[in-house]
């Protein structure tokens, strides 16, 4: 389903934990990282599509999250021709996205990368709000920066006193990273849109580690390759 300009309607999801960190997923069998996203099906509105994608990609249900905010308008990115099927070139240009900012009100162990038979991610971590854009596929970076900047003013401030109980290790989560410390969490910017987020793209935390689903593999340095190959025409490109 394309609009008259050749852009497919799509949703993007920025999921926060209680420390105002964001869900950061490694695309299956690649070295690139991204937020959950996916196309809007015919007959769906953006919020309906967001909840469907939330379950399909990370296994969460509506009761596990609270919607904090969404972008006011569509954010667009074009996909280079080498990543578009030959029979779609000239018609399909890229994605136009509504981005949602969600607060996780459930638990880490509610997340499930294998909620469907076609998983999008094979590993994940909680990351600082200003994610490292150099591990995002290049043609998506501008939209990520715009979405993060617009929604940054709605991010709750992290108060360690209110979430001290989340410091206790949880051994029930098969996919969760371990070893993250309080000093890894920077204060959240409350600058107005257009001013926040243009500079502080912090690097991924060097001490963080995480477990993978059975049979998954992981390259320790995700910056070595983006892992997207020409002809990748998946619905969330």
C-alpha atoms as a PDB file:
ATOM      1  CA  UNK A   1       0.000   0.000   0.000  1.00  0.00           C
ATOM      2  CA  UNK A   2       1.755   3.135  -1.261  1.00  0.00           C
ATOM      3  CA  UNK A   3       0.691   6.763  -1.239  1.00  0.00           C
ATOM      4  CA  UNK A   4       0.690   8.840  -4.417  1.00  0.00           C
ATOM      5  CA  UNK A   5       4.346   9.763  -3.872  1.00  0.00           C
ATOM      6  CA  UNK A   6       5.533   6.170  -3.529  1.00  0.00           C
ATOM      7  CA  UNK A   7       5.920   6.019   0.265  1.00  0.00           C
ATOM      8  CA  UNK A   8       4.550   3.157   2.311  1.00  0.00           C
ATOM      9  CA  UNK A   9       2.794   4.101   5.595  1.00  0.00           C
ATOM     10  CA  UNK A  10       4.744   2.720   8.531  1.00  0.00           C
ATOM     11  CA  UNK A  11       5.077   3.032  12.305  1.00  0.00           C
ATOM     12  CA  UNK A  12       8.176   3.229  14.482  1.00  0.00           C
ATOM     13  CA  UNK A  13       8.326   2.422  18.199  1.00  0.00           C
ATOM     14  CA  UNK A  14      10.574   3.881  20.896  1.00  0.00           C
ATOM     15  CA  UNK A  15      10.018   1.754  24.001  1.00  0.00           C
ATOM     16  CA  UNK A  16      11.223   3.086  27.368  1.00  0.00           C
ATOM     17  CA  UNK A  17      11.971   1.143  30.529  1.00  0.00           C
ATOM     18  CA  UNK A  18      11.701   2.536  34.057  1.00  0.00           C
ATOM     19  CA  UNK A  19      15.158   4.096  33.727  1.00  0.00           C
ATOM     20  CA  UNK A  20      14.185   5.970  30.543  1.00  0.00           C
ATOM     21  CA  UNK A  21      16.389   3.724  28.457  1.00  0.00           C
ATOM     22  CA  UNK A  22      15.170   2.481  25.084  1.00  0.00           C
ATOM     23  CA  UNK A  23      14.712  -0.991  23.625  1.00  0.00           C
ATOM     24  CA  UNK A  24      17.477  -1.500  21.064  1.00  0.00           C
ATOM     25  CA  UNK A  25      17.189  -4.574  18.834  1.00  0.00           C
ATOM     26  CA  UNK A  26      19.728  -6.333  16.611  1.00  0.00           C
ATOM     27  CA  UNK A  27      18.184  -7.282  13.283  1.00  0.00           C
ATOM     28  CA  UNK A  28      18.179 -11.013  12.814  1.00  0.00           C
ATOM     29  CA  UNK A  29      21.320 -12.384  11.134  1.00  0.00           C
ATOM     30  CA  UNK A  30      22.825  -8.896  10.658  1.00  0.00           C
ATOM     31  CA  UNK A  31      25.078  -6.525  12.581  1.00  0.00           C
ATOM     32  CA  UNK A  32      22.685  -3.543  12.394  1.00  0.00           C
ATOM     33  CA  UNK A  33      20.533  -2.302  15.270  1.00  0.00           C
ATOM     34  CA  UNK A  34      17.187  -0.530  15.179  1.00  0.00           C
ATOM     35  CA  UNK A  35      13.892   0.232  16.879  1.00  0.00           C
ATOM     36  CA  UNK A  36      10.828  -1.906  16.206  1.00  0.00           C
ATOM     37  CA  UNK A  37       8.955  -0.745  13.132  1.00  0.00           C
ATOM     38  CA  UNK A  38       6.590  -2.081  10.497  1.00  0.00           C
ATOM     39  CA  UNK A  39       4.061  -1.278   7.811  1.00  0.00           C
ATOM     40  CA  UNK A  40       0.478  -0.148   8.319  1.00  0.00           C
ATOM     41  CA  UNK A  41      -1.895  -2.669   6.767  1.00  0.00           C
ATOM     42  CA  UNK A  42      -4.971  -1.674   4.814  1.00  0.00           C
ATOM     43  CA  UNK A  43      -7.796  -0.774   7.197  1.00  0.00           C
ATOM     44  CA  UNK A  44      -5.474  -0.049  10.131  1.00  0.00           C
ATOM     45  CA  UNK A  45      -4.799   3.309  11.732  1.00  0.00           C
ATOM     46  CA  UNK A  46      -1.271   4.058  13.005  1.00  0.00           C
ATOM     47  CA  UNK A  47      -2.049   3.125  16.616  1.00  0.00           C
ATOM     48  CA  UNK A  48      -3.573  -0.220  15.632  1.00  0.00           C
ATOM     49  CA  UNK A  49      -0.539  -0.971  13.492  1.00  0.00           C
ATOM     50  CA  UNK A  50       1.775   0.014  16.350  1.00  0.00           C
ATOM     51  CA  UNK A  51       0.177  -2.438  18.782  1.00  0.00           C
ATOM     52  CA  UNK A  52       0.264  -5.225  16.184  1.00  0.00           C
ATOM     53  CA  UNK A  53       3.936  -4.622  15.412  1.00  0.00           C
ATOM     54  CA  UNK A  54       4.725  -4.348  19.122  1.00  0.00           C
ATOM     55  CA  UNK A  55       3.437  -7.864  19.643  1.00  0.00           C
ATOM     56  CA  UNK A  56       4.902  -9.338  16.450  1.00  0.00           C
ATOM     57  CA  UNK A  57       8.405  -7.953  16.987  1.00  0.00           C
ATOM     58  CA  UNK A  58       8.882  -7.889  20.778  1.00  0.00           C
ATOM     59  CA  UNK A  59       5.982  -9.957  22.117  1.00  0.00           C
ATOM     60  CA  UNK A  60       4.276  -7.208  24.148  1.00  0.00           C
ATOM     61  CA  UNK A  61       0.528  -6.683  24.500  1.00  0.00           C
ATOM     62  CA  UNK A  62      -1.296  -3.344  24.988  1.00  0.00           C
ATOM     63  CA  UNK A  63      -1.516  -3.922  28.751  1.00  0.00           C
ATOM     64  CA  UNK A  64       2.286  -4.029  28.955  1.00  0.00           C
ATOM     65  CA  UNK A  65       2.780  -0.438  27.756  1.00  0.00           C
ATOM     66  CA  UNK A  66       1.493   3.095  28.097  1.00  0.00           C
ATOM     67  CA  UNK A  67       1.436   5.425  25.089  1.00  0.00           C
ATOM     68  CA  UNK A  68       3.243   8.635  26.067  1.00  0.00           C
ATOM     69  CA  UNK A  69       3.403  10.550  22.788  1.00  0.00           C
ATOM     70  CA  UNK A  70       3.592  10.293  18.994  1.00  0.00           C
ATOM     71  CA  UNK A  71       5.096  12.432  16.269  1.00  0.00           C
ATOM     72  CA  UNK A  72       2.826  15.138  14.928  1.00  0.00           C
ATOM     73  CA  UNK A  73       3.391  14.395  11.243  1.00  0.00           C
ATOM     74  CA  UNK A  74       4.803  11.724   8.954  1.00  0.00           C
ATOM     75  CA  UNK A  75       8.590  11.391   8.908  1.00  0.00           C
ATOM     76  CA  UNK A  76       9.937  10.098   5.584  1.00  0.00           C
ATOM     77  CA  UNK A  77      13.027   8.333   4.370  1.00  0.00           C
ATOM     78  CA  UNK A  78      13.896   7.130   0.880  1.00  0.00           C
ATOM     79  CA  UNK A  79      15.338   3.683   0.250  1.00  0.00           C
ATOM     80  CA  UNK A  80      18.243   3.521  -2.249  1.00  0.00           C
ATOM     81  CA  UNK A  81      17.429   1.685  -5.482  1.00  0.00           C
ATOM     82  CA  UNK A  82      19.917  -1.084  -4.733  1.00  0.00           C
ATOM     83  CA  UNK A  83      17.732  -2.168  -1.785  1.00  0.00           C
ATOM     84  CA  UNK A  84      14.477  -2.186  -3.786  1.00  0.00           C
ATOM     85  CA  UNK A  85      13.207  -5.064  -5.870  1.00  0.00           C
ATOM     86  CA  UNK A  86      13.647  -4.389  -9.563  1.00  0.00           C
ATOM     87  CA  UNK A  87       9.946  -4.709 -10.275  1.00  0.00           C
ATOM     88  CA  UNK A  88       9.168  -2.058  -7.612  1.00  0.00           C
ATOM     89  CA  UNK A  89      11.690   0.546  -8.745  1.00  0.00           C
ATOM     90  CA  UNK A  90      10.047   3.654 -10.063  1.00  0.00           C
ATOM     91  CA  UNK A  91       6.985   3.086  -7.865  1.00  0.00           C
ATOM     92  CA  UNK A  92       8.302   2.488  -4.353  1.00  0.00           C
ATOM     93  CA  UNK A  93      10.439   5.273  -2.847  1.00  0.00           C
ATOM     94  CA  UNK A  94      10.568   4.471   0.859  1.00  0.00           C
ATOM     95  CA  UNK A  95       8.668   4.796   4.125  1.00  0.00           C
ATOM     96  CA  UNK A  96       6.620   7.514   5.776  1.00  0.00           C
ATOM     97  CA  UNK A  97       6.392   6.905   9.504  1.00  0.00           C
ATOM     98  CA  UNK A  98       4.465   7.901  12.593  1.00  0.00           C
ATOM     99  CA  UNK A  99       6.657   7.320  15.638  1.00  0.00           C
ATOM    100  CA  UNK A 100       5.284   6.355  19.052  1.00  0.00           C
ATOM    101  CA  UNK A 101       6.959   6.794  22.436  1.00  0.00           C
ATOM    102  CA  UNK A 102       5.870   4.025  24.832  1.00  0.00           C
ATOM    103  CA  UNK A 103       6.512   3.370  28.510  1.00  0.00           C
ATOM    104  CA  UNK A 104       6.935  -0.250  29.546  1.00  0.00           C
ATOM    105  CA  UNK A 105       4.627  -0.871  32.514  1.00  0.00           C
ATOM    106  CA  UNK A 106       5.165  -4.625  32.454  1.00  0.00           C
ATOM    107  CA  UNK A 107       8.434  -6.413  33.122  1.00  0.00           C
ATOM    108  CA  UNK A 108      11.549  -7.189  31.112  1.00  0.00           C
ATOM    109  CA  UNK A 109      10.595 -10.847  31.007  1.00  0.00           C
ATOM    110  CA  UNK A 110       7.371  -9.947  29.160  1.00  0.00           C
ATOM    111  CA  UNK A 111       9.453  -9.251  26.050  1.00  0.00           C
ATOM    112  CA  UNK A 112       9.655 -12.170  23.634  1.00  0.00           C
ATOM    113  CA  UNK A 113      11.609 -12.037  20.369  1.00  0.00           C
ATOM    114  CA  UNK A 114      10.016 -15.298  19.241  1.00  0.00           C
ATOM    115  CA  UNK A 115       6.374 -14.222  19.455  1.00  0.00           C
ATOM    116  CA  UNK A 116       5.911 -15.160  15.770  1.00  0.00           C
ATOM    117  CA  UNK A 117       7.487 -17.599  13.330  1.00  0.00           C
ATOM    118  CA  UNK A 118       9.241 -14.702  11.569  1.00  0.00           C
ATOM    119  CA  UNK A 119      11.294 -12.846  14.199  1.00  0.00           C
ATOM    120  CA  UNK A 120      12.801  -9.467  13.348  1.00  0.00           C
ATOM    121  CA  UNK A 121      15.475  -9.456  16.082  1.00  0.00           C
ATOM    122  CA  UNK A 122      17.845 -12.073  17.489  1.00  0.00           C
ATOM    123  CA  UNK A 123      19.177  -9.991  20.414  1.00  0.00           C
ATOM    124  CA  UNK A 124      18.298  -6.839  22.308  1.00  0.00           C
ATOM    125  CA  UNK A 125      19.490  -4.509  25.037  1.00  0.00           C
ATOM    126  CA  UNK A 126      18.410  -1.430  26.967  1.00  0.00           C
ATOM    127  CA  UNK A 127      20.380   1.522  25.624  1.00  0.00           C
ATOM    128  CA  UNK A 128      20.754   5.222  26.410  1.00  0.00           C
ATOM    129  CA  UNK A 129      17.961   7.311  24.834  1.00  0.00           C
ATOM    130  CA  UNK A 130      20.351   8.870  22.304  1.00  0.00           C
ATOM    131  CA  UNK A 131      21.183   5.659  20.481  1.00  0.00           C
ATOM    132  CA  UNK A 132      24.409   5.314  18.426  1.00  0.00           C
ATOM    133  CA  UNK A 133      23.242   6.170  14.913  1.00  0.00           C
ATOM    134  CA  UNK A 134      26.370   4.759  13.298  1.00  0.00           C
ATOM    135  CA  UNK A 135      25.001   1.229  13.789  1.00  0.00           C
ATOM    136  CA  UNK A 136      21.685   2.133  12.104  1.00  0.00           C
ATOM    137  CA  UNK A 137      21.272   1.547   8.372  1.00  0.00           C
ATOM    138  CA  UNK A 138      22.462   4.809   6.835  1.00  0.00           C
ATOM    139  CA  UNK A 139      19.279   5.846   5.017  1.00  0.00           C
ATOM    140  CA  UNK A 140      17.246   5.620   8.254  1.00  0.00           C
ATOM    141  CA  UNK A 141      19.507   7.802  10.388  1.00  0.00           C
ATOM    142  CA  UNK A 142      17.856  11.128   9.563  1.00  0.00           C
ATOM    143  CA  UNK A 143      14.405   9.872  10.555  1.00  0.00           C
ATOM    144  CA  UNK A 144      15.789   8.384  13.781  1.00  0.00           C
ATOM    145  CA  UNK A 145      17.306  11.728  14.701  1.00  0.00           C
ATOM    146  CA  UNK A 146      14.083  13.594  13.917  1.00  0.00           C
ATOM    147  CA  UNK A 147      11.927  11.141  15.885  1.00  0.00           C
ATOM    148  CA  UNK A 148      14.237  11.071  18.908  1.00  0.00           C
ATOM    149  CA  UNK A 149      14.493  14.853  18.923  1.00  0.00           C
ATOM    150  CA  UNK A 150      10.753  15.504  18.627  1.00  0.00           C
ATOM    151  CA  UNK A 151       9.826  12.978  21.310  1.00  0.00           C
ATOM    152  CA  UNK A 152      12.693  13.711  23.731  1.00  0.00           C
ATOM    153  CA  UNK A 153      10.722  16.345  25.656  1.00  0.00           C
ATOM    154  CA  UNK A 154       8.181  13.691  26.672  1.00  0.00           C
ATOM    155  CA  UNK A 155      10.760  11.309  28.170  1.00  0.00           C
ATOM    156  CA  UNK A 156      10.356  11.039  31.962  1.00  0.00           C
ATOM    157  CA  UNK A 157      13.370  11.926  34.048  1.00  0.00           C
ATOM    158  CA  UNK A 158      15.086   8.920  35.582  1.00  0.00           C
ATOM    159  CA  UNK A 159      14.995   8.985  39.379  1.00  0.00           C
ATOM    160  CA  UNK A 160      17.165   6.214  40.841  1.00  0.00           C
ATOM    161  CA  UNK A 161      15.326   6.394  44.167  1.00  0.00           C
ATOM    162  CA  UNK A 162      12.020   5.485  42.510  1.00  0.00           C
ATOM    163  CA  UNK A 163      13.326   2.432  40.670  1.00  0.00           C
ATOM    164  CA  UNK A 164      15.984   1.090  43.023  1.00  0.00           C
ATOM    165  CA  UNK A 165      14.264  -2.282  43.060  1.00  0.00           C
ATOM    166  CA  UNK A 166      14.961  -2.662  39.333  1.00  0.00           C
ATOM    167  CA  UNK A 167      18.671  -2.968  40.144  1.00  0.00           C
ATOM    168  CA  UNK A 168      18.176  -6.498  41.396  1.00  0.00           C
ATOM    169  CA  UNK A 169      19.309  -9.023  38.769  1.00  0.00           C
ATOM    170  CA  UNK A 170      16.542 -10.946  37.044  1.00  0.00           C
ATOM    171  CA  UNK A 171      17.466 -14.419  35.853  1.00  0.00           C
ATOM    172  CA  UNK A 172      14.138 -15.120  34.174  1.00  0.00           C
ATOM    173  CA  UNK A 173      14.850 -13.093  31.036  1.00  0.00           C
ATOM    174  CA  UNK A 174      16.593 -15.218  28.404  1.00  0.00           C
ATOM    175  CA  UNK A 175      17.314 -12.292  26.094  1.00  0.00           C
ATOM    176  CA  UNK A 176      18.337  -9.603  28.568  1.00  0.00           C
ATOM    177  CA  UNK A 177      21.790  -8.129  28.879  1.00  0.00           C
ATOM    178  CA  UNK A 178      23.551  -8.073  32.216  1.00  0.00           C
ATOM    179  CA  UNK A 179      26.160  -6.095  34.076  1.00  0.00           C
ATOM    180  CA  UNK A 180      24.780  -2.582  33.467  1.00  0.00           C
ATOM    181  CA  UNK A 181      25.523  -0.098  36.214  1.00  0.00           C
ATOM    182  CA  UNK A 182      23.935   3.084  37.450  1.00  0.00           C
ATOM    183  CA  UNK A 183      26.718   5.242  36.034  1.00  0.00           C
ATOM    184  CA  UNK A 184      25.809   4.042  32.550  1.00  0.00           C
ATOM    185  CA  UNK A 185      22.563   6.036  32.593  1.00  0.00           C
ATOM    186  CA  UNK A 186      22.869   9.725  31.614  1.00  0.00           C
ATOM    187  CA  UNK A 187      20.235  12.331  32.540  1.00  0.00           C
ATOM    188  CA  UNK A 188      17.469  12.696  29.987  1.00  0.00           C
ATOM    189  CA  UNK A 189      17.417  15.920  28.025  1.00  0.00           C
ATOM    190  CA  UNK A 190      14.329  18.101  28.389  1.00  0.00           C
ATOM    191  CA  UNK A 191      15.340  20.553  25.670  1.00  0.00           C
ATOM    192  CA  UNK A 192      12.564  21.661  23.328  1.00  0.00           C
ATOM    193  CA  UNK A 193      12.130  19.977  19.933  1.00  0.00           C
ATOM    194  CA  UNK A 194      14.634  21.166  17.363  1.00  0.00           C
ATOM    195  CA  UNK A 195      17.336  21.745  19.987  1.00  0.00           C
ATOM    196  CA  UNK A 196      17.695  18.403  21.708  1.00  0.00           C
ATOM    197  CA  UNK A 197      19.527  15.419  20.393  1.00  0.00           C
ATOM    198  CA  UNK A 198      21.494  16.945  17.531  1.00  0.00           C
ATOM    199  CA  UNK A 199      24.865  16.356  19.137  1.00  0.00           C
ATOM    200  CA  UNK A 200      24.845  13.842  22.012  1.00  0.00           C
ATOM    201  CA  UNK A 201      24.730  10.536  20.136  1.00  0.00           C
ATOM    202  CA  UNK A 202      26.445   8.516  22.832  1.00  0.00           C
ATOM    203  CA  UNK A 203      28.345   5.367  22.032  1.00  0.00           C
ATOM    204  CA  UNK A 204      26.993   1.989  23.064  1.00  0.00           C
ATOM    205  CA  UNK A 205      28.015   0.986  26.564  1.00  0.00           C
ATOM    206  CA  UNK A 206      31.249  -1.001  26.258  1.00  0.00           C
ATOM    207  CA  UNK A 207      30.612  -3.079  29.353  1.00  0.00           C
ATOM    208  CA  UNK A 208      27.133  -4.233  28.386  1.00  0.00           C
ATOM    209  CA  UNK A 209      26.474  -7.835  27.470  1.00  0.00           C
ATOM    210  CA  UNK A 210      23.362  -9.846  26.708  1.00  0.00           C
ATOM    211  CA  UNK A 211      22.159 -13.344  26.079  1.00  0.00           C
ATOM    212  CA  UNK A 212      20.912 -14.573  22.724  1.00  0.00           C
ATOM    213  CA  UNK A 213      18.025 -16.867  21.838  1.00  0.00           C
ATOM    214  CA  UNK A 214      18.956 -20.503  21.133  1.00  0.00           C
ATOM    215  CA  UNK A 215      20.912 -20.802  17.895  1.00  0.00           C
ATOM    216  CA  UNK A 216      21.549 -17.060  17.564  1.00  0.00           C
ATOM    217  CA  UNK A 217      24.979 -15.601  16.898  1.00  0.00           C
ATOM    218  CA  UNK A 218      26.384 -12.178  17.606  1.00  0.00           C
ATOM    219  CA  UNK A 219      29.319 -10.104  16.390  1.00  0.00           C
ATOM    220  CA  UNK A 220      30.759  -8.259  19.451  1.00  0.00           C
ATOM    221  CA  UNK A 221      31.429  -5.099  17.445  1.00  0.00           C
ATOM    222  CA  UNK A 222      28.159  -4.117  15.705  1.00  0.00           C
ATOM    223  CA  UNK A 223      29.920  -1.244  13.910  1.00  0.00           C
ATOM    224  CA  UNK A 224      31.896  -3.609  11.679  1.00  0.00           C
ATOM    225  CA  UNK A 225      29.003  -4.101   9.295  1.00  0.00           C
ATOM    226  CA  UNK A 226      25.405  -3.042   8.861  1.00  0.00           C
ATOM    227  CA  UNK A 227      24.470  -6.422   7.475  1.00  0.00           C
ATOM    228  CA  UNK A 228      21.840  -5.140   5.007  1.00  0.00           C
ATOM    229  CA  UNK A 229      22.298  -6.624   1.577  1.00  0.00           C
ATOM    230  CA  UNK A 230      21.047  -5.314  -1.784  1.00  0.00           C
ATOM    231  CA  UNK A 231      17.631  -6.655  -2.603  1.00  0.00           C
ATOM    232  CA  UNK A 232      16.423  -6.589   1.018  1.00  0.00           C
ATOM    233  CA  UNK A 233      12.780  -5.784   0.434  1.00  0.00           C
ATOM    234  CA  UNK A 234      11.302  -6.733   3.792  1.00  0.00           C
ATOM    235  CA  UNK A 235       8.272  -4.785   4.895  1.00  0.00           C
ATOM    236  CA  UNK A 236      10.246  -2.771   7.450  1.00  0.00           C
ATOM    237  CA  UNK A 237      13.117  -1.576   5.217  1.00  0.00           C
END
